[in-house]
N, C-alpha and C. Protein backbone atom coordinates (compact mmCIF):
# COMPACT_ATOMS: atom_id res chain seq x y z
N UNK A 1 66.36 71.73 -140.16
CA UNK A 1 65.00 71.74 -139.65
C UNK A 1 64.81 72.85 -138.61
N UNK A 2 65.86 73.09 -137.79
CA UNK A 2 65.79 74.10 -136.76
C UNK A 2 65.62 75.49 -137.37
N UNK A 3 66.36 75.80 -138.43
CA UNK A 3 66.25 77.09 -139.11
C UNK A 3 64.88 77.25 -139.77
N UNK A 4 64.31 76.18 -140.25
CA UNK A 4 62.99 76.20 -140.88
C UNK A 4 61.93 76.63 -139.86
N UNK A 5 61.98 76.08 -138.65
CA UNK A 5 61.02 76.43 -137.58
C UNK A 5 61.22 77.87 -137.13
N UNK A 6 62.46 78.31 -137.04
CA UNK A 6 62.75 79.67 -136.61
C UNK A 6 62.26 80.69 -137.62
N UNK A 7 62.27 80.34 -138.91
CA UNK A 7 61.84 81.30 -139.92
C UNK A 7 60.32 81.48 -139.93
N UNK A 8 59.58 80.50 -139.46
CA UNK A 8 58.12 80.62 -139.43
C UNK A 8 57.60 81.18 -138.11
N UNK A 9 58.43 81.32 -137.11
CA UNK A 9 58.01 81.86 -135.83
C UNK A 9 57.52 83.31 -135.96
N UNK A 10 58.25 84.21 -136.63
CA UNK A 10 57.74 85.58 -136.79
C UNK A 10 56.41 85.63 -137.56
N UNK A 11 56.25 84.78 -138.55
CA UNK A 11 54.99 84.74 -139.31
C UNK A 11 53.84 84.32 -138.39
N UNK A 12 54.08 83.34 -137.54
CA UNK A 12 53.06 82.89 -136.60
C UNK A 12 52.66 83.99 -135.63
N UNK A 13 53.63 84.78 -135.18
CA UNK A 13 53.35 85.88 -134.25
C UNK A 13 52.50 86.94 -134.95
N UNK A 14 52.81 87.26 -136.20
CA UNK A 14 52.05 88.27 -136.95
C UNK A 14 50.61 87.79 -137.16
N UNK A 15 50.44 86.53 -137.54
CA UNK A 15 49.10 85.99 -137.77
C UNK A 15 48.30 85.98 -136.47
N UNK A 16 48.93 85.57 -135.40
CA UNK A 16 48.25 85.55 -134.10
C UNK A 16 47.86 86.96 -133.65
N UNK A 17 48.71 87.93 -133.91
CA UNK A 17 48.41 89.32 -133.56
C UNK A 17 47.21 89.84 -134.36
N UNK A 18 47.17 89.52 -135.64
CA UNK A 18 46.06 89.97 -136.48
C UNK A 18 44.75 89.34 -136.03
N UNK A 19 44.77 88.06 -135.71
CA UNK A 19 43.57 87.38 -135.23
C UNK A 19 43.10 87.98 -133.91
N UNK A 20 44.01 88.26 -133.02
CA UNK A 20 43.66 88.85 -131.73
C UNK A 20 43.07 90.25 -131.91
N UNK A 21 43.61 91.01 -132.85
CA UNK A 21 43.10 92.36 -133.09
C UNK A 21 41.66 92.32 -133.59
N UNK A 22 41.36 91.43 -134.51
CA UNK A 22 39.99 91.33 -135.01
C UNK A 22 39.04 90.76 -133.96
N UNK A 23 39.51 89.85 -133.16
CA UNK A 23 38.66 89.24 -132.13
C UNK A 23 38.33 90.23 -131.02
N UNK A 24 39.21 91.17 -130.76
CA UNK A 24 38.97 92.12 -129.67
C UNK A 24 38.28 93.40 -130.14
N UNK A 25 38.05 93.56 -131.43
CA UNK A 25 37.40 94.76 -131.95
C UNK A 25 35.93 94.73 -131.58
N UNK A 26 35.47 95.80 -130.89
CA UNK A 26 34.07 95.84 -130.47
C UNK A 26 33.29 96.77 -131.38
N UNK A 27 32.01 96.53 -131.46
CA UNK A 27 31.13 97.37 -132.26
C UNK A 27 30.94 98.71 -131.56
N UNK A 28 30.88 99.78 -132.31
CA UNK A 28 30.77 101.12 -131.74
C UNK A 28 29.34 101.65 -131.87
N UNK A 29 28.34 100.82 -131.69
CA UNK A 29 26.97 101.29 -131.78
C UNK A 29 26.58 101.95 -130.46
N UNK A 30 25.83 103.02 -130.56
CA UNK A 30 25.39 103.75 -129.38
C UNK A 30 23.97 103.34 -129.02
N UNK A 31 23.78 103.03 -127.78
CA UNK A 31 22.45 102.70 -127.30
C UNK A 31 21.91 103.92 -126.56
N UNK A 32 20.76 104.42 -127.01
CA UNK A 32 20.17 105.56 -126.34
C UNK A 32 19.55 105.11 -125.04
N UNK A 33 19.90 105.78 -123.98
CA UNK A 33 19.41 105.40 -122.67
C UNK A 33 18.65 106.58 -122.06
N UNK A 34 17.33 106.58 -122.26
CA UNK A 34 16.52 107.64 -121.69
C UNK A 34 16.49 107.51 -120.17
N UNK A 35 16.51 108.65 -119.52
CA UNK A 35 16.52 108.67 -118.07
C UNK A 35 15.79 109.93 -117.60
N UNK A 36 15.08 109.80 -116.50
CA UNK A 36 14.36 110.95 -115.95
C UNK A 36 15.33 111.90 -115.26
N UNK A 37 15.23 113.16 -115.63
CA UNK A 37 16.01 114.20 -114.99
C UNK A 37 15.08 115.08 -114.17
N UNK A 38 15.66 115.84 -113.29
CA UNK A 38 14.87 116.70 -112.40
C UNK A 38 15.51 118.07 -112.30
N UNK A 39 14.67 119.08 -112.18
CA UNK A 39 15.13 120.45 -111.95
C UNK A 39 14.71 120.83 -110.54
N UNK A 40 15.64 121.42 -109.80
CA UNK A 40 15.36 121.90 -108.45
C UNK A 40 15.32 123.42 -108.46
N UNK A 41 14.15 123.97 -108.21
CA UNK A 41 14.02 125.43 -108.13
C UNK A 41 14.14 125.92 -106.70
N UNK A 42 13.60 125.13 -105.78
CA UNK A 42 13.60 125.48 -104.36
C UNK A 42 14.36 124.40 -103.60
N UNK A 43 15.49 124.74 -102.94
CA UNK A 43 16.27 123.73 -102.22
C UNK A 43 15.45 122.95 -101.18
N UNK A 44 14.38 123.55 -100.70
CA UNK A 44 13.53 122.85 -99.72
C UNK A 44 12.70 121.75 -100.39
N UNK A 45 12.57 121.82 -101.73
CA UNK A 45 11.83 120.80 -102.50
C UNK A 45 12.69 120.33 -103.67
N UNK A 46 13.70 119.49 -103.40
CA UNK A 46 14.61 119.05 -104.46
C UNK A 46 13.92 118.14 -105.47
N UNK A 47 14.46 118.14 -106.67
CA UNK A 47 14.01 117.24 -107.75
C UNK A 47 12.51 117.42 -108.02
N UNK A 48 12.08 118.66 -108.12
CA UNK A 48 10.65 118.98 -108.21
C UNK A 48 10.06 118.81 -109.61
N UNK A 49 10.79 119.24 -110.65
CA UNK A 49 10.25 119.24 -112.01
C UNK A 49 10.91 118.13 -112.82
N UNK A 50 10.10 117.26 -113.43
CA UNK A 50 10.61 116.15 -114.22
C UNK A 50 10.94 116.60 -115.65
N UNK A 51 12.05 116.07 -116.17
CA UNK A 51 12.54 116.38 -117.51
C UNK A 51 13.02 115.08 -118.14
N UNK A 52 12.79 114.91 -119.44
CA UNK A 52 13.30 113.74 -120.15
C UNK A 52 14.73 114.01 -120.60
N UNK A 53 15.67 113.19 -120.13
CA UNK A 53 17.09 113.35 -120.44
C UNK A 53 17.65 112.01 -120.93
N UNK A 54 18.95 111.93 -121.03
CA UNK A 54 19.64 110.72 -121.45
C UNK A 54 20.92 110.55 -120.63
N UNK A 55 21.36 109.31 -120.48
CA UNK A 55 22.61 109.05 -119.78
C UNK A 55 23.79 108.96 -120.75
N UNK A 56 23.52 109.10 -122.07
CA UNK A 56 24.57 109.06 -123.08
C UNK A 56 25.25 110.42 -123.12
N UNK A 57 26.58 110.43 -122.94
CA UNK A 57 27.36 111.66 -122.85
C UNK A 57 27.12 112.58 -124.05
N UNK A 58 26.95 113.85 -123.75
CA UNK A 58 26.71 114.86 -124.78
C UNK A 58 26.52 116.21 -124.13
N UNK A 59 25.58 116.99 -124.67
CA UNK A 59 25.27 118.32 -124.14
C UNK A 59 24.43 118.15 -122.87
N UNK A 60 24.71 118.97 -121.88
CA UNK A 60 24.00 118.88 -120.60
C UNK A 60 22.49 119.02 -120.80
N UNK A 61 21.73 118.24 -120.05
CA UNK A 61 20.27 118.27 -120.11
C UNK A 61 19.79 119.54 -119.40
N UNK A 62 18.92 120.28 -120.07
CA UNK A 62 18.39 121.52 -119.51
C UNK A 62 16.88 121.57 -119.70
N UNK A 63 16.25 122.46 -118.94
CA UNK A 63 14.82 122.71 -119.08
C UNK A 63 14.57 124.19 -118.83
N UNK A 64 13.64 124.74 -119.57
CA UNK A 64 13.29 126.14 -119.38
C UNK A 64 12.06 126.22 -118.50
N UNK A 65 12.19 126.93 -117.38
CA UNK A 65 11.09 127.11 -116.44
C UNK A 65 10.91 128.61 -116.21
N UNK A 66 9.73 129.09 -116.53
CA UNK A 66 9.42 130.52 -116.39
C UNK A 66 10.43 131.41 -117.11
N UNK A 67 10.85 130.98 -118.29
CA UNK A 67 11.77 131.77 -119.10
C UNK A 67 13.23 131.68 -118.69
N UNK A 68 13.53 130.84 -117.71
CA UNK A 68 14.92 130.69 -117.24
C UNK A 68 15.37 129.25 -117.50
N UNK A 69 16.56 129.09 -118.07
CA UNK A 69 17.10 127.76 -118.35
C UNK A 69 17.81 127.21 -117.12
N UNK A 70 17.46 125.98 -116.75
CA UNK A 70 18.05 125.31 -115.59
C UNK A 70 18.63 123.96 -116.03
N UNK A 71 19.72 123.55 -115.40
CA UNK A 71 20.27 122.22 -115.65
C UNK A 71 19.40 121.18 -114.94
N UNK A 72 19.25 120.04 -115.59
CA UNK A 72 18.51 118.94 -115.00
C UNK A 72 19.49 117.85 -114.60
N UNK A 73 19.25 117.22 -113.46
CA UNK A 73 20.12 116.16 -112.95
C UNK A 73 19.28 114.94 -112.61
N UNK A 74 19.92 113.78 -112.63
CA UNK A 74 19.23 112.54 -112.29
C UNK A 74 19.55 112.10 -110.88
N UNK A 75 18.96 110.96 -110.53
CA UNK A 75 19.21 110.36 -109.21
C UNK A 75 20.10 109.14 -109.42
N UNK A 76 21.09 108.98 -108.55
CA UNK A 76 21.95 107.80 -108.62
C UNK A 76 21.16 106.56 -108.24
N UNK A 77 20.24 106.71 -107.31
CA UNK A 77 19.39 105.61 -106.85
C UNK A 77 17.96 106.14 -106.79
N UNK A 78 17.00 105.29 -107.02
CA UNK A 78 15.60 105.70 -107.00
C UNK A 78 15.18 106.25 -105.64
N UNK A 79 15.89 105.85 -104.59
CA UNK A 79 15.57 106.29 -103.23
C UNK A 79 16.25 107.60 -102.83
N UNK A 80 17.10 108.14 -103.70
CA UNK A 80 17.79 109.39 -103.39
C UNK A 80 16.81 110.54 -103.25
N UNK A 81 17.11 111.44 -102.32
CA UNK A 81 16.29 112.64 -102.13
C UNK A 81 16.80 113.74 -103.06
N UNK A 82 18.12 113.87 -103.16
CA UNK A 82 18.72 114.89 -104.02
C UNK A 82 19.01 114.31 -105.40
N UNK A 83 19.06 115.20 -106.38
CA UNK A 83 19.43 114.77 -107.73
C UNK A 83 20.74 115.46 -108.10
N UNK A 84 21.77 114.65 -108.25
CA UNK A 84 23.11 115.18 -108.51
C UNK A 84 23.79 114.51 -109.69
N UNK A 85 23.17 113.49 -110.27
CA UNK A 85 23.77 112.73 -111.36
C UNK A 85 23.72 113.55 -112.66
N UNK A 86 24.86 113.79 -113.30
CA UNK A 86 24.86 114.55 -114.55
C UNK A 86 24.11 113.78 -115.64
N UNK A 87 23.23 114.48 -116.33
CA UNK A 87 22.50 113.90 -117.45
C UNK A 87 22.68 114.77 -118.67
N UNK A 88 22.27 114.24 -119.82
CA UNK A 88 22.53 114.90 -121.10
C UNK A 88 21.26 114.96 -121.93
N UNK A 89 21.27 115.85 -122.93
CA UNK A 89 20.10 116.00 -123.80
C UNK A 89 19.86 114.72 -124.58
N UNK A 90 18.59 114.42 -124.79
CA UNK A 90 18.21 113.25 -125.59
C UNK A 90 18.51 113.51 -127.07
N UNK A 91 18.92 112.47 -127.74
CA UNK A 91 19.13 112.55 -129.19
C UNK A 91 17.90 111.92 -129.85
N UNK A 92 17.16 112.72 -130.62
CA UNK A 92 15.95 112.19 -131.25
C UNK A 92 16.23 111.54 -132.56
């Protein structure tokens, strides 16, 4: 009887491992998170121009102002004066 129990122990470990692997598998769906970005042209007036960006990692959010491309950044908190949070281009 002892050998019988010992022979099924490895099988139980394999089954338990497979169940744990399926139970811990998460869905890889991406949620688009639109976020307001800002462009600062004049350091005396930070976060002056509003741009639609995303918080989903990708290509840096940019905006063209007067023929010049500028990076757009977000605010970590709505009360922040400066915009330093990296943002990314929206995926349409």
